[in-house]
Amino acid sequence: MDFNSNTGHSELNNFRPITNISILAKLLEKCVHLQLRKHSDHFNLLDTYQSGFRQGYSTESALVLIVDDILRVPDQNDLCLLISLDLLAA
């Protein structure tokens, strides 16, 4: 590809400017996230077993908790019922 040809590649007016909105939006999102996390941690607003959106927790920690609960049920002579919903497809 020859940038010196008359196809418009050498014209600065043909290039769109780079916007900083996405960077600013990410910075604002990070600030809001930190504020909300500090607030929820300070006032103990999240359930002890909440795994999503918490530092040090993941889907693996949630699965370990569920499997542990299911395996304890027979020891307590109880019934276990697990309902799983996929809300993303709804």
PDB file of N, CA and C in Angstrom:
ATOM      1  N   MET A   1       0.847  -1.172   0.000  1.00  0.00           N
ATOM      2  CA  MET A   1       0.000   0.000   0.000  1.00  0.00           C
ATOM      3  C   MET A   1       0.894   1.237   0.000  1.00  0.00           C
ATOM      4  N   ASP A   2       0.645   2.113  -0.905  1.00  0.00           N
ATOM      5  CA  ASP A   2       1.441   3.329  -1.033  1.00  0.00           C
ATOM      6  C   ASP A   2       0.692   4.495  -0.398  1.00  0.00           C
ATOM      7  N   PHE A   3       1.258   5.061   0.680  1.00  0.00           N
ATOM      8  CA  PHE A   3       0.595   6.157   1.371  1.00  0.00           C
ATOM      9  C   PHE A   3       0.812   7.502   0.679  1.00  0.00           C
ATOM     10  N   ASN A   4       1.644   7.543  -0.325  1.00  0.00           N
ATOM     11  CA  ASN A   4       1.893   8.783  -1.052  1.00  0.00           C
ATOM     12  C   ASN A   4       0.977   8.934  -2.260  1.00  0.00           C
ATOM     13  N   SER A   5       0.118   7.976  -2.499  1.00  0.00           N
ATOM     14  CA  SER A   5      -0.775   8.068  -3.644  1.00  0.00           C
ATOM     15  C   SER A   5      -1.929   9.014  -3.328  1.00  0.00           C
ATOM     16  N   ASN A   6      -2.763   9.249  -4.280  1.00  0.00           N
ATOM     17  CA  ASN A   6      -3.877  10.183  -4.111  1.00  0.00           C
ATOM     18  C   ASN A   6      -5.135   9.496  -3.582  1.00  0.00           C
ATOM     19  N   THR A   7      -4.987   8.433  -2.813  1.00  0.00           N
ATOM     20  CA  THR A   7      -6.155   7.727  -2.283  1.00  0.00           C
ATOM     21  C   THR A   7      -6.668   8.350  -0.995  1.00  0.00           C
ATOM     22  N   GLY A   8      -6.014   9.372  -0.490  1.00  0.00           N
ATOM     23  CA  GLY A   8      -6.504  10.051   0.695  1.00  0.00           C
ATOM     24  C   GLY A   8      -5.797   9.669   1.971  1.00  0.00           C
ATOM     25  N   HIS A   9      -4.861   8.732   1.906  1.00  0.00           N
ATOM     26  CA  HIS A   9      -4.159   8.307   3.109  1.00  0.00           C
ATOM     27  C   HIS A   9      -3.240   9.382   3.660  1.00  0.00           C
ATOM     28  N   SER A  10      -2.804  10.282   2.832  1.00  0.00           N
ATOM     29  CA  SER A  10      -1.882  11.311   3.299  1.00  0.00           C
ATOM     30  C   SER A  10      -2.613  12.539   3.829  1.00  0.00           C
ATOM     31  N   GLU A  11      -3.926  12.613   3.663  1.00  0.00           N
ATOM     32  CA  GLU A  11      -4.718  13.735   4.144  1.00  0.00           C
ATOM     33  C   GLU A  11      -5.045  13.544   5.620  1.00  0.00           C
ATOM     34  N   LEU A  12      -4.614  14.478   6.460  1.00  0.00           N
ATOM     35  CA  LEU A  12      -4.894  14.372   7.895  1.00  0.00           C
ATOM     36  C   LEU A  12      -6.380  14.497   8.195  1.00  0.00           C
ATOM     37  N   ASN A  13      -7.124  15.179   7.349  1.00  0.00           N
ATOM     38  CA  ASN A  13      -8.562  15.352   7.574  1.00  0.00           C
ATOM     39  C   ASN A  13      -9.338  14.051   7.401  1.00  0.00           C
ATOM     40  N   ASN A  14      -8.736  13.058   6.784  1.00  0.00           N
ATOM     41  CA  ASN A  14      -9.413  11.775   6.580  1.00  0.00           C
ATOM     42  C   ASN A  14      -9.325  10.857   7.792  1.00  0.00           C
ATOM     43  N   PHE A  15      -8.563  11.219   8.795  1.00  0.00           N
ATOM     44  CA  PHE A  15      -8.403  10.380   9.982  1.00  0.00           C
ATOM     45  C   PHE A  15      -9.255  10.930  11.122  1.00  0.00           C
ATOM     46  N   ARG A  16      -9.936  10.033  11.797  1.00  0.00           N
ATOM     47  CA  ARG A  16     -10.773  10.436  12.927  1.00  0.00           C
ATOM     48  C   ARG A  16      -9.896  10.596  14.156  1.00  0.00           C
ATOM     49  N   PRO A  17     -10.186  11.576  15.009  1.00  0.00           N
ATOM     50  CA  PRO A  17      -9.387  11.767  16.222  1.00  0.00           C
ATOM     51  C   PRO A  17      -9.652  10.656  17.236  1.00  0.00           C
ATOM     52  N   ILE A  18      -8.673  10.388  18.044  1.00  0.00           N
ATOM     53  CA  ILE A  18      -8.820   9.407  19.115  1.00  0.00           C
ATOM     54  C   ILE A  18      -9.514  10.095  20.278  1.00  0.00           C
ATOM     55  N   THR A  19     -10.540   9.463  20.807  1.00  0.00           N
ATOM     56  CA  THR A  19     -11.288  10.059  21.906  1.00  0.00           C
ATOM     57  C   THR A  19     -10.791   9.517  23.237  1.00  0.00           C
ATOM     58  N   ASN A  20     -10.855  10.322  24.249  1.00  0.00           N
ATOM     59  CA  ASN A  20     -10.449   9.911  25.597  1.00  0.00           C
ATOM     60  C   ASN A  20     -11.636   9.526  26.464  1.00  0.00           C
ATOM     61  N   ILE A  21     -12.816   9.473  25.896  1.00  0.00           N
ATOM     62  CA  ILE A  21     -14.006   9.181  26.681  1.00  0.00           C
ATOM     63  C   ILE A  21     -13.922   7.796  27.302  1.00  0.00           C
ATOM     64  N   SER A  22     -13.453   6.809  26.566  1.00  0.00           N
ATOM     65  CA  SER A  22     -13.395   5.460  27.117  1.00  0.00           C
ATOM     66  C   SER A  22     -12.414   5.391  28.289  1.00  0.00           C
ATOM     67  N   ILE A  23     -11.324   6.123  28.200  1.00  0.00           N
ATOM     68  CA  ILE A  23     -10.358   6.136  29.301  1.00  0.00           C
ATOM     69  C   ILE A  23     -10.965   6.829  30.521  1.00  0.00           C
ATOM     70  N   LEU A  24     -11.627   7.949  30.294  1.00  0.00           N
ATOM     71  CA  LEU A  24     -12.274   8.657  31.397  1.00  0.00           C
ATOM     72  C   LEU A  24     -13.383   7.818  32.030  1.00  0.00           C
ATOM     73  N   ALA A  25     -14.131   7.114  31.188  1.00  0.00           N
ATOM     74  CA  ALA A  25     -15.207   6.258  31.701  1.00  0.00           C
ATOM     75  C   ALA A  25     -14.632   5.129  32.554  1.00  0.00           C
ATOM     76  N   LYS A  26     -13.522   4.557  32.128  1.00  0.00           N
ATOM     77  CA  LYS A  26     -12.899   3.483  32.910  1.00  0.00           C
ATOM     78  C   LYS A  26     -12.372   4.002  34.243  1.00  0.00           C
ATOM     79  N   LEU A  27     -11.777   5.186  34.231  1.00  0.00           N
ATOM     80  CA  LEU A  27     -11.290   5.779  35.482  1.00  0.00           C
ATOM     81  C   LEU A  27     -12.438   6.070  36.443  1.00  0.00           C
ATOM     82  N   LEU A  28     -13.522   6.625  35.924  1.00  0.00           N
ATOM     83  CA  LEU A  28     -14.686   6.907  36.757  1.00  0.00           C
ATOM     84  C   LEU A  28     -15.285   5.619  37.301  1.00  0.00           C
ATOM     85  N   GLU A  29     -15.368   4.599  36.454  1.00  0.00           N
ATOM     86  CA  GLU A  29     -15.900   3.306  36.888  1.00  0.00           C
ATOM     87  C   GLU A  29     -15.044   2.723  38.014  1.00  0.00           C
ATOM     88  N   LYS A  30     -13.734   2.824  37.886  1.00  0.00           N
ATOM     89  CA  LYS A  30     -12.826   2.309  38.910  1.00  0.00           C
ATOM     90  C   LYS A  30     -13.012   3.062  40.228  1.00  0.00           C
ATOM     91  N   CYS A  31     -13.148   4.394  40.148  1.00  0.00           N
ATOM     92  CA  CYS A  31     -13.353   5.203  41.359  1.00  0.00           C
ATOM     93  C   CYS A  31     -14.660   4.842  42.051  1.00  0.00           C
ATOM     94  N   VAL A  32     -15.728   4.710  41.276  1.00  0.00           N
ATOM     95  CA  VAL A  32     -17.029   4.349  41.849  1.00  0.00           C
ATOM     96  C   VAL A  32     -16.972   2.955  42.459  1.00  0.00           C
ATOM     97  N   HIS A  33     -16.320   2.025  41.761  1.00  0.00           N
ATOM     98  CA  HIS A  33     -16.190   0.657  42.273  1.00  0.00           C
ATOM     99  C   HIS A  33     -15.454   0.635  43.616  1.00  0.00           C
ATOM    100  N   LEU A  34     -14.353   1.382  43.719  1.00  0.00           N
ATOM    101  CA  LEU A  34     -13.598   1.421  44.971  1.00  0.00           C
ATOM    102  C   LEU A  34     -14.423   2.024  46.104  1.00  0.00           C
ATOM    103  N   GLN A  35     -15.152   3.093  45.803  1.00  0.00           N
ATOM    104  CA  GLN A  35     -15.989   3.727  46.818  1.00  0.00           C
ATOM    105  C   GLN A  35     -17.087   2.776  47.299  1.00  0.00           C
ATOM    106  N   LEU A  36     -17.749   2.095  46.358  1.00  0.00           N
ATOM    107  CA  LEU A  36     -18.810   1.159  46.734  1.00  0.00           C
ATOM    108  C   LEU A  36     -18.270  -0.021  47.532  1.00  0.00           C
ATOM    109  N   ARG A  37     -17.101  -0.512  47.131  1.00  0.00           N
ATOM    110  CA  ARG A  37     -16.519  -1.639  47.863  1.00  0.00           C
ATOM    111  C   ARG A  37     -16.149  -1.247  49.284  1.00  0.00           C
ATOM    112  N   LYS A  38     -15.527  -0.065  49.442  1.00  0.00           N
ATOM    113  CA  LYS A  38     -15.180   0.406  50.782  1.00  0.00           C
ATOM    114  C   LYS A  38     -16.426   0.583  51.642  1.00  0.00           C
ATOM    115  N   HIS A  39     -17.464   1.159  51.044  1.00  0.00           N
ATOM    116  CA  HIS A  39     -18.706   1.398  51.782  1.00  0.00           C
ATOM    117  C   HIS A  39     -19.356   0.073  52.203  1.00  0.00           C
ATOM    118  N   SER A  40     -19.448  -0.869  51.265  1.00  0.00           N
ATOM    119  CA  SER A  40     -20.080  -2.154  51.582  1.00  0.00           C
ATOM    120  C   SER A  40     -19.253  -2.957  52.581  1.00  0.00           C
ATOM    121  N   ASP A  41     -17.936  -2.865  52.521  1.00  0.00           N
ATOM    122  CA  ASP A  41     -17.089  -3.556  53.487  1.00  0.00           C
ATOM    123  C   ASP A  41     -17.205  -2.916  54.875  1.00  0.00           C
ATOM    124  N   HIS A  42     -17.227  -1.594  54.918  1.00  0.00           N
ATOM    125  CA  HIS A  42     -17.291  -0.870  56.196  1.00  0.00           C
ATOM    126  C   HIS A  42     -18.599  -1.144  56.939  1.00  0.00           C
ATOM    127  N   PHE A  43     -19.708  -1.194  56.204  1.00  0.00           N
ATOM    128  CA  PHE A  43     -21.017  -1.388  56.829  1.00  0.00           C
ATOM    129  C   PHE A  43     -21.502  -2.832  56.741  1.00  0.00           C
ATOM    130  N   ASN A  44     -20.640  -3.766  56.325  1.00  0.00           N
ATOM    131  CA  ASN A  44     -20.986  -5.191  56.239  1.00  0.00           C
ATOM    132  C   ASN A  44     -22.279  -5.418  55.453  1.00  0.00           C
ATOM    133  N   LEU A  45     -22.394  -4.822  54.281  1.00  0.00           N
ATOM    134  CA  LEU A  45     -23.621  -4.902  53.502  1.00  0.00           C
ATOM    135  C   LEU A  45     -23.735  -6.189  52.688  1.00  0.00           C
ATOM    136  N   LEU A  46     -22.612  -6.808  52.373  1.00  0.00           N
ATOM    137  CA  LEU A  46     -22.653  -8.033  51.577  1.00  0.00           C
ATOM    138  C   LEU A  46     -22.752  -9.259  52.473  1.00  0.00           C
ATOM    139  N   ASP A  47     -23.476 -10.241  51.995  1.00  0.00           N
ATOM    140  CA  ASP A  47     -23.604 -11.500  52.710  1.00  0.00           C
ATOM    141  C   ASP A  47     -22.234 -12.170  52.834  1.00  0.00           C
ATOM    142  N   THR A  48     -22.043 -12.918  53.871  1.00  0.00           N
ATOM    143  CA  THR A  48     -20.775 -13.603  54.110  1.00  0.00           C
ATOM    144  C   THR A  48     -20.403 -14.519  52.950  1.00  0.00           C
ATOM    145  N   TYR A  49     -21.402 -15.105  52.320  1.00  0.00           N
ATOM    146  CA  TYR A  49     -21.154 -16.077  51.256  1.00  0.00           C
ATOM    147  C   TYR A  49     -21.220 -15.460  49.859  1.00  0.00           C
ATOM    148  N   GLN A  50     -21.307 -14.150  49.770  1.00  0.00           N
ATOM    149  CA  GLN A  50     -21.310 -13.479  48.472  1.00  0.00           C
ATOM    150  C   GLN A  50     -19.938 -13.641  47.818  1.00  0.00           C
ATOM    151  N   SER A  51     -19.904 -14.213  46.619  1.00  0.00           N
ATOM    152  CA  SER A  51     -18.629 -14.433  45.939  1.00  0.00           C
ATOM    153  C   SER A  51     -18.408 -13.468  44.783  1.00  0.00           C
ATOM    154  N   GLY A  52     -19.467 -13.034  44.149  1.00  0.00           N
ATOM    155  CA  GLY A  52     -19.328 -12.156  42.995  1.00  0.00           C
ATOM    156  C   GLY A  52     -18.936 -10.747  43.380  1.00  0.00           C
ATOM    157  N   PHE A  53     -18.063 -10.158  42.601  1.00  0.00           N
ATOM    158  CA  PHE A  53     -17.641  -8.773  42.750  1.00  0.00           C
ATOM    159  C   PHE A  53     -16.933  -8.506  44.077  1.00  0.00           C
ATOM    160  N   ARG A  54     -16.267  -9.514  44.619  1.00  0.00           N
ATOM    161  CA  ARG A  54     -15.510  -9.338  45.854  1.00  0.00           C
ATOM    162  C   ARG A  54     -14.084  -9.802  45.634  1.00  0.00           C
ATOM    163  N   GLN A  55     -13.164  -9.043  46.188  1.00  0.00           N
ATOM    164  CA  GLN A  55     -11.756  -9.387  46.060  1.00  0.00           C
ATOM    165  C   GLN A  55     -11.459 -10.646  46.866  1.00  0.00           C
ATOM    166  N   GLY A  56     -10.735 -11.566  46.263  1.00  0.00           N
ATOM    167  CA  GLY A  56     -10.376 -12.807  46.940  1.00  0.00           C
ATOM    168  C   GLY A  56     -11.413 -13.913  46.791  1.00  0.00           C
ATOM    169  N   TYR A  57     -12.517 -13.636  46.110  1.00  0.00           N
ATOM    170  CA  TYR A  57     -13.561 -14.624  45.881  1.00  0.00           C
ATOM    171  C   TYR A  57     -13.739 -14.800  44.384  1.00  0.00           C
ATOM    172  N   SER A  58     -14.274 -15.947  44.005  1.00  0.00           N
ATOM    173  CA  SER A  58     -14.477 -16.219  42.586  1.00  0.00           C
ATOM    174  C   SER A  58     -15.599 -17.230  42.428  1.00  0.00           C
ATOM    175  N   THR A  59     -15.838 -17.641  41.194  1.00  0.00           N
ATOM    176  CA  THR A  59     -16.832 -18.684  40.964  1.00  0.00           C
ATOM    177  C   THR A  59     -16.379 -19.996  41.593  1.00  0.00           C
ATOM    178  N   GLU A  60     -15.068 -20.186  41.698  1.00  0.00           N
ATOM    179  CA  GLU A  60     -14.553 -21.404  42.340  1.00  0.00           C
ATOM    180  C   GLU A  60     -14.917 -21.428  43.819  1.00  0.00           C
ATOM    181  N   SER A  61     -14.780 -20.308  44.503  1.00  0.00           N
ATOM    182  CA  SER A  61     -15.133 -20.279  45.923  1.00  0.00           C
ATOM    183  C   SER A  61     -16.635 -20.494  46.112  1.00  0.00           C
ATOM    184  N   ALA A  62     -17.452 -19.982  45.184  1.00  0.00           N
ATOM    185  CA  ALA A  62     -18.891 -20.219  45.262  1.00  0.00           C
ATOM    186  C   ALA A  62     -19.210 -21.695  45.048  1.00  0.00           C
ATOM    187  N   LEU A  63     -18.540 -22.327  44.085  1.00  0.00           N
ATOM    188  CA  LEU A  63     -18.772 -23.751  43.834  1.00  0.00           C
ATOM    189  C   LEU A  63     -18.322 -24.617  44.999  1.00  0.00           C
ATOM    190  N   VAL A  64     -17.204 -24.261  45.622  1.00  0.00           N
ATOM    191  CA  VAL A  64     -16.726 -25.013  46.789  1.00  0.00           C
ATOM    192  C   VAL A  64     -17.758 -24.943  47.904  1.00  0.00           C
ATOM    193  N   LEU A  65     -18.349 -23.778  48.110  1.00  0.00           N
ATOM    194  CA  LEU A  65     -19.369 -23.615  49.147  1.00  0.00           C
ATOM    195  C   LEU A  65     -20.604 -24.453  48.841  1.00  0.00           C
ATOM    196  N   ILE A  66     -21.045 -24.438  47.573  1.00  0.00           N
ATOM    197  CA  ILE A  66     -22.223 -25.223  47.193  1.00  0.00           C
ATOM    198  C   ILE A  66     -21.966 -26.713  47.351  1.00  0.00           C
ATOM    199  N   VAL A  67     -20.823 -27.185  46.887  1.00  0.00           N
ATOM    200  CA  VAL A  67     -20.493 -28.617  47.006  1.00  0.00           C
ATOM    201  C   VAL A  67     -20.397 -29.009  48.477  1.00  0.00           C
ATOM    202  N   ASP A  68     -19.806 -28.153  49.294  1.00  0.00           N
ATOM    203  CA  ASP A  68     -19.709 -28.428  50.727  1.00  0.00           C
ATOM    204  C   ASP A  68     -21.098 -28.538  51.353  1.00  0.00           C
ATOM    205  N   ASP A  69     -21.987 -27.620  50.999  1.00  0.00           N
ATOM    206  CA  ASP A  69     -23.358 -27.673  51.520  1.00  0.00           C
ATOM    207  C   ASP A  69     -24.071 -28.954  51.089  1.00  0.00           C
ATOM    208  N   ILE A  70     -23.897 -29.338  49.826  1.00  0.00           N
ATOM    209  CA  ILE A  70     -24.558 -30.544  49.317  1.00  0.00           C
ATOM    210  C   ILE A  70     -24.019 -31.793  50.014  1.00  0.00           C
ATOM    211  N   LEU A  71     -22.707 -31.825  50.255  1.00  0.00           N
ATOM    212  CA  LEU A  71     -22.123 -33.007  50.896  1.00  0.00           C
ATOM    213  C   LEU A  71     -22.473 -33.106  52.381  1.00  0.00           C
ATOM    214  N   ARG A  72     -22.828 -32.010  53.026  1.00  0.00           N
ATOM    215  CA  ARG A  72     -23.208 -32.046  54.443  1.00  0.00           C
ATOM    216  C   ARG A  72     -24.649 -32.485  54.670  1.00  0.00           C
ATOM    217  N   VAL A  73     -25.477 -32.400  53.645  1.00  0.00           N
ATOM    218  CA  VAL A  73     -26.900 -32.703  53.785  1.00  0.00           C
ATOM    219  C   VAL A  73     -27.159 -34.124  54.286  1.00  0.00           C
ATOM    220  N   PRO A  74     -26.530 -35.163  53.716  1.00  0.00           N
ATOM    221  CA  PRO A  74     -26.812 -36.518  54.223  1.00  0.00           C
ATOM    222  C   PRO A  74     -26.448 -36.698  55.704  1.00  0.00           C
ATOM    223  N   ASP A  75     -25.442 -36.012  56.181  1.00  0.00           N
ATOM    224  CA  ASP A  75     -25.067 -36.122  57.590  1.00  0.00           C
ATOM    225  C   ASP A  75     -26.143 -35.556  58.512  1.00  0.00           C
ATOM    226  N   GLN A  76     -26.940 -34.629  57.998  1.00  0.00           N
ATOM    227  CA  GLN A  76     -27.981 -33.994  58.817  1.00  0.00           C
ATOM    228  C   GLN A  76     -29.359 -34.598  58.556  1.00  0.00           C
ATOM    229  N   ASN A  77     -29.413 -35.684  57.786  1.00  0.00           N
ATOM    230  CA  ASN A  77     -30.673 -36.326  57.409  1.00  0.00           C
ATOM    231  C   ASN A  77     -31.671 -35.311  56.859  1.00  0.00           C
ATOM    232  N   ASP A  78     -31.192 -34.476  55.972  1.00  0.00           N
ATOM    233  CA  ASP A  78     -32.012 -33.428  55.371  1.00  0.00           C
ATOM    234  C   ASP A  78     -32.165 -33.671  53.880  1.00  0.00           C
ATOM    235  N   LEU A  79     -32.992 -32.871  53.249  1.00  0.00           N
ATOM    236  CA  LEU A  79     -33.211 -32.923  51.817  1.00  0.00           C
ATOM    237  C   LEU A  79     -32.503 -31.734  51.180  1.00  0.00           C
ATOM    238  N   CYS A  80     -31.885 -31.955  50.048  1.00  0.00           N
ATOM    239  CA  CYS A  80     -31.174 -30.885  49.348  1.00  0.00           C
ATOM    240  C   CYS A  80     -31.818 -30.657  47.999  1.00  0.00           C
ATOM    241  N   LEU A  81     -32.084 -29.388  47.692  1.00  0.00           N
ATOM    242  CA  LEU A  81     -32.660 -29.013  46.409  1.00  0.00           C
ATOM    243  C   LEU A  81     -31.831 -27.860  45.863  1.00  0.00           C
ATOM    244  N   LEU A  82     -31.353 -28.029  44.640  1.00  0.00           N
ATOM    245  CA  LEU A  82     -30.545 -26.994  44.002  1.00  0.00           C
ATOM    246  C   LEU A  82     -31.247 -26.542  42.739  1.00  0.00           C
ATOM    247  N   ILE A  83     -31.514 -25.250  42.671  1.00  0.00           N
ATOM    248  CA  ILE A  83     -32.137 -24.658  41.483  1.00  0.00           C
ATOM    249  C   ILE A  83     -31.126 -23.722  40.867  1.00  0.00           C
ATOM    250  N   SER A  84     -30.815 -23.937  39.612  1.00  0.00           N
ATOM    251  CA  SER A  84     -29.847 -23.110  38.913  1.00  0.00           C
ATOM    252  C   SER A  84     -30.536 -22.407  37.756  1.00  0.00           C
ATOM    253  N   LEU A  85     -30.412 -21.077  37.715  1.00  0.00           N
ATOM    254  CA  LEU A  85     -31.048 -20.283  36.667  1.00  0.00           C
ATOM    255  C   LEU A  85     -29.992 -19.600  35.829  1.00  0.00           C
ATOM    256  N   ASP A  86     -30.200 -19.594  34.530  1.00  0.00           N
ATOM    257  CA  ASP A  86     -29.320 -18.860  33.629  1.00  0.00           C
ATOM    258  C   ASP A  86     -30.052 -17.600  33.202  1.00  0.00           C
ATOM    259  N   LEU A  87     -29.822 -16.511  33.926  1.00  0.00           N
ATOM    260  CA  LEU A  87     -30.546 -15.267  33.659  1.00  0.00           C
ATOM    261  C   LEU A  87     -29.987 -14.515  32.472  1.00  0.00           C
ATOM    262  N   LEU A  88     -28.792 -14.879  32.028  1.00  0.00           N
ATOM    263  CA  LEU A  88     -28.197 -14.208  30.886  1.00  0.00           C
ATOM    264  C   LEU A  88     -29.008 -14.460  29.612  1.00  0.00           C
ATOM    265  N   ALA A  89     -29.549 -15.648  29.484  1.00  0.00           N
ATOM    266  CA  ALA A  89     -30.305 -16.005  28.292  1.00  0.00           C
ATOM    267  C   ALA A  89     -31.750 -15.524  28.384  1.00  0.00           C
ATOM    268  N   ALA A  90     -32.183 -15.042  29.531  1.00  0.00           N
ATOM    269  CA  ALA A  90     -33.591 -14.634  29.711  1.00  0.00           C
ATOM    270  C   ALA A  90     -33.889 -13.355  28.967  1.00  0.00           C
TER     271      ALA A  90
END
